Amino acid sequence: MTPHDPPPATDARLLAELCARVQALEAWRAHQTDLLDELLNGIPATEQTPPADDEDDDPDEDDLDVDALIVWVHDTITSMIARPLRGELTWCPLWWEHPEAVFRLEALRRAWTEFAPEPGAAMSIWIRDHLDPCLRELLTPLGPFADCVHNERYRALSGHTPIATLPTRTPE
C-alpha cells in the first residue's frame, strides 16, 4: 500500500464513524454552551420560548427533571443491568455528575416513555435500538466515565453468584 492508495473499506468506515461522532459531540457542546450562556446571563430557558397554548398548565416536556431522571435510572437501568465491567469498561455510581451521561440517559428515558406502554415488540426494539447503544457509549473506554475512579464492581468467583447491578448512590 502506498500513501496515495485509498484506505481500506474498514478504515474509511471507521473514519466516517469518527467524523459523525465528532460532529455530534460538537453539536452537543454548542448546545451546552448555549445553556451555560443562558444560565450565566440570567435568562431562564423556559422564558426563551413562551408556550404556544396559554391553556397548557403542564410543565414543558423538554425540561430536565434531574430528580425524576435519577429515580428512573435507579429503578429501570441500574436495578436490572448485570454485566461484568472488565478492563477499561467503566460505570460511575455518581453518573449524574457527568453531563454526557445525564444527556444520554435523559434521551433514553424519553424513548422509554414512548415505547414502554406499547404492546408487542416495542420493549425489545427499545432495548436493541436505544438501551444497548447507550450502554455501549457510556461504558466504552472513550465514554464519559473513562477517567472516573468510582468503579467498585468486581466478580465473585466462588459458586454461582450473580454479578451485581451497576452501583449507584443517592445524591446528598
Protein backbone atom coordinates (compact mmCIF):
# COMPACT_ATOMS: atom_id res chain seq x y z
CA MET A 1 0.00 0.00 0.00
CA THR A 2 1.37 3.39 -0.98
CA PRO A 3 0.49 6.75 0.58
CA HIS A 4 -1.69 7.54 -2.46
CA ASP A 5 -3.79 4.36 -2.29
CA PRO A 6 -7.32 4.79 -0.94
CA PRO A 7 -7.76 3.46 2.61
CA PRO A 8 -9.33 0.02 3.02
CA ALA A 9 -13.10 -0.02 3.45
CA THR A 10 -12.83 -0.64 7.20
CA ASP A 11 -10.58 2.41 7.63
CA ALA A 12 -13.00 4.56 5.60
CA ARG A 13 -15.94 3.31 7.66
CA LEU A 14 -14.09 3.96 10.91
CA LEU A 15 -13.14 7.44 9.74
CA ALA A 16 -16.77 8.18 8.80
CA GLU A 17 -17.97 6.95 12.21
CA LEU A 18 -15.37 9.07 14.00
CA CYS A 19 -16.33 12.16 11.96
CA ALA A 20 -20.00 11.59 12.80
CA ARG A 21 -19.17 11.27 16.49
CA VAL A 22 -17.08 14.44 16.45
CA GLN A 23 -19.93 16.31 14.74
CA ALA A 24 -22.43 15.01 17.31
CA LEU A 25 -20.15 15.98 20.19
CA GLU A 26 -19.60 19.44 18.68
CA ALA A 27 -23.37 19.92 18.37
CA TRP A 28 -23.85 18.77 21.96
CA ARG A 29 -21.04 21.06 23.15
CA ALA A 30 -22.60 24.01 21.32
CA HIS A 31 -25.96 23.23 22.92
CA GLN A 32 -24.39 23.00 26.38
CA THR A 33 -22.54 26.28 25.75
CA ASP A 34 -25.82 27.95 24.83
CA LEU A 35 -27.44 26.62 28.00
CA LEU A 36 -24.49 27.84 30.09
CA ASP A 37 -24.65 31.28 28.46
CA GLU A 38 -28.36 31.46 29.26
CA LEU A 39 -27.68 30.47 32.85
CA LEU A 40 -24.82 32.96 33.30
CA ASN A 41 -26.80 35.78 31.71
CA GLY A 42 -29.79 35.12 33.95
CA ILE A 43 -32.13 34.11 31.15
CA PRO A 44 -34.10 31.04 32.21
CA ALA A 45 -34.51 28.55 29.39
CA THR A 46 -38.28 28.48 29.98
CA GLU A 47 -38.51 32.22 29.20
CA GLN A 48 -36.88 31.84 25.78
CA THR A 49 -39.86 30.29 24.06
CA PRO A 50 -43.22 31.05 25.60
CA PRO A 51 -45.74 28.22 25.43
CA ALA A 52 -47.86 28.31 22.28
CA ASP A 53 -51.03 27.46 24.18
CA ASP A 54 -51.84 29.51 27.29
CA GLU A 55 -54.26 26.81 28.46
CA ASP A 56 -51.45 24.26 28.82
CA ASP A 57 -50.55 24.18 32.52
CA ASP A 58 -48.35 21.08 32.20
CA PRO A 59 -44.62 21.65 32.60
CA ASP A 60 -42.69 21.68 29.35
CA GLU A 61 -41.76 18.10 28.49
CA ASP A 62 -38.36 19.32 27.29
CA ASP A 63 -37.43 20.46 30.81
CA LEU A 64 -34.97 18.14 32.53
CA ASP A 65 -36.09 16.93 35.95
CA VAL A 66 -32.83 15.53 37.34
CA ASP A 67 -34.52 14.03 40.42
CA ALA A 68 -37.01 12.13 38.24
CA LEU A 69 -34.16 11.00 35.97
CA ILE A 70 -32.18 9.70 38.96
CA VAL A 71 -35.17 7.70 40.19
CA TRP A 72 -35.81 6.34 36.68
CA VAL A 73 -32.16 5.31 36.15
CA HIS A 74 -32.07 3.61 39.58
CA ASP A 75 -35.40 1.81 39.05
CA THR A 76 -35.16 0.99 35.36
CA ILE A 77 -31.49 0.76 34.39
CA THR A 78 -29.12 0.09 37.27
CA SER A 79 -31.52 -2.28 39.03
CA MET A 80 -31.64 -4.63 36.05
CA ILE A 81 -28.26 -4.35 34.33
CA ALA A 82 -25.81 -7.01 35.45
CA ARG A 83 -22.70 -7.31 33.31
CA PRO A 84 -19.01 -7.56 34.10
CA LEU A 85 -17.02 -4.38 33.83
CA ARG A 86 -13.56 -5.60 33.00
CA GLY A 87 -10.58 -3.86 31.55
CA GLU A 88 -11.37 -0.31 30.56
CA LEU A 89 -15.18 -0.57 30.76
CA THR A 90 -16.31 1.82 33.46
CA TRP A 91 -19.54 2.86 35.16
CA CYS A 92 -19.73 5.64 37.71
CA PRO A 93 -22.17 5.39 40.62
CA LEU A 94 -22.12 9.20 40.62
CA TRP A 95 -23.29 9.22 36.99
CA TRP A 96 -25.44 12.35 37.47
CA GLU A 97 -22.22 14.34 37.83
CA HIS A 98 -21.29 13.53 34.21
CA PRO A 99 -23.18 15.82 31.79
CA GLU A 100 -22.86 13.46 28.83
CA ALA A 101 -24.29 10.62 30.89
CA VAL A 102 -27.21 12.80 32.00
CA PHE A 103 -27.81 13.83 28.39
CA ARG A 104 -27.74 10.25 27.08
CA LEU A 105 -29.78 8.79 29.94
CA GLU A 106 -32.44 11.50 29.59
CA ALA A 107 -32.71 10.68 25.87
CA LEU A 108 -33.00 7.01 26.83
CA ARG A 109 -35.74 7.82 29.39
CA ARG A 110 -37.71 9.82 26.82
CA ALA A 111 -37.57 6.92 24.37
CA TRP A 112 -38.67 4.61 27.20
CA THR A 113 -41.76 6.70 27.91
CA GLU A 114 -42.80 6.28 24.28
CA PHE A 115 -42.03 2.57 23.95
CA ALA A 116 -42.94 1.16 27.40
CA PRO A 117 -46.73 1.40 27.03
CA GLU A 118 -46.71 -0.08 23.51
CA PRO A 119 -47.67 -3.74 23.07
CA GLY A 120 -45.74 -6.42 21.24
CA ALA A 121 -42.09 -5.98 20.33
CA ALA A 122 -41.80 -2.34 21.43
CA MET A 123 -39.69 -3.15 24.51
CA SER A 124 -37.38 -5.37 22.50
CA ILE A 125 -36.95 -2.58 19.95
CA TRP A 126 -36.21 -0.11 22.76
CA ILE A 127 -33.54 -2.43 24.14
CA ARG A 128 -31.98 -3.04 20.71
CA ASP A 129 -32.18 0.50 19.35
CA HIS A 130 -31.81 2.61 22.48
CA LEU A 131 -30.58 0.84 25.65
CA ASP A 132 -27.79 -1.28 24.15
CA PRO A 133 -26.20 1.54 22.09
CA CYS A 134 -26.48 3.94 25.03
CA LEU A 135 -24.76 1.50 27.40
CA ARG A 136 -22.01 0.84 24.84
CA GLU A 137 -21.30 4.57 24.64
CA LEU A 138 -21.46 5.13 28.40
CA LEU A 139 -19.23 2.18 29.32
CA THR A 140 -16.71 2.45 26.48
CA PRO A 141 -13.09 3.33 27.24
CA LEU A 142 -13.72 6.66 25.48
CA GLY A 143 -17.05 7.28 27.24
CA PRO A 144 -17.91 9.83 29.92
CA PHE A 145 -16.70 7.59 32.76
CA ALA A 146 -13.31 6.77 31.17
CA ASP A 147 -11.31 8.63 33.82
CA CYS A 148 -13.71 8.02 36.69
CA VAL A 149 -12.27 6.17 39.67
CA HIS A 150 -15.62 5.36 41.32
CA ASN A 151 -15.83 1.89 39.74
CA GLU A 152 -16.35 -0.51 42.68
CA ARG A 153 -17.67 -3.58 40.86
CA TYR A 154 -15.96 -6.93 40.94
CA ARG A 155 -16.90 -10.51 40.11
CA ALA A 156 -17.29 -13.13 42.84
CA LEU A 157 -15.56 -16.32 41.79
CA SER A 158 -16.92 -18.78 44.40
CA GLY A 159 -20.00 -20.75 43.35
CA HIS A 160 -22.85 -19.18 41.43
CA THR A 161 -23.10 -15.56 42.43
CA PRO A 162 -24.95 -13.21 40.08
CA ILE A 163 -22.97 -10.19 39.02
CA ALA A 164 -24.13 -7.15 40.93
CA THR A 165 -26.10 -4.49 39.09
CA LEU A 166 -24.46 -1.18 38.31
CA PRO A 167 -23.64 0.60 41.57
CA THR A 168 -25.23 3.90 42.39
CA ARG A 169 -25.64 6.24 45.32
CA THR A 170 -28.38 8.65 46.24
CA PRO A 171 -27.22 12.26 45.85
CA GLU A 172 -26.63 14.08 49.09
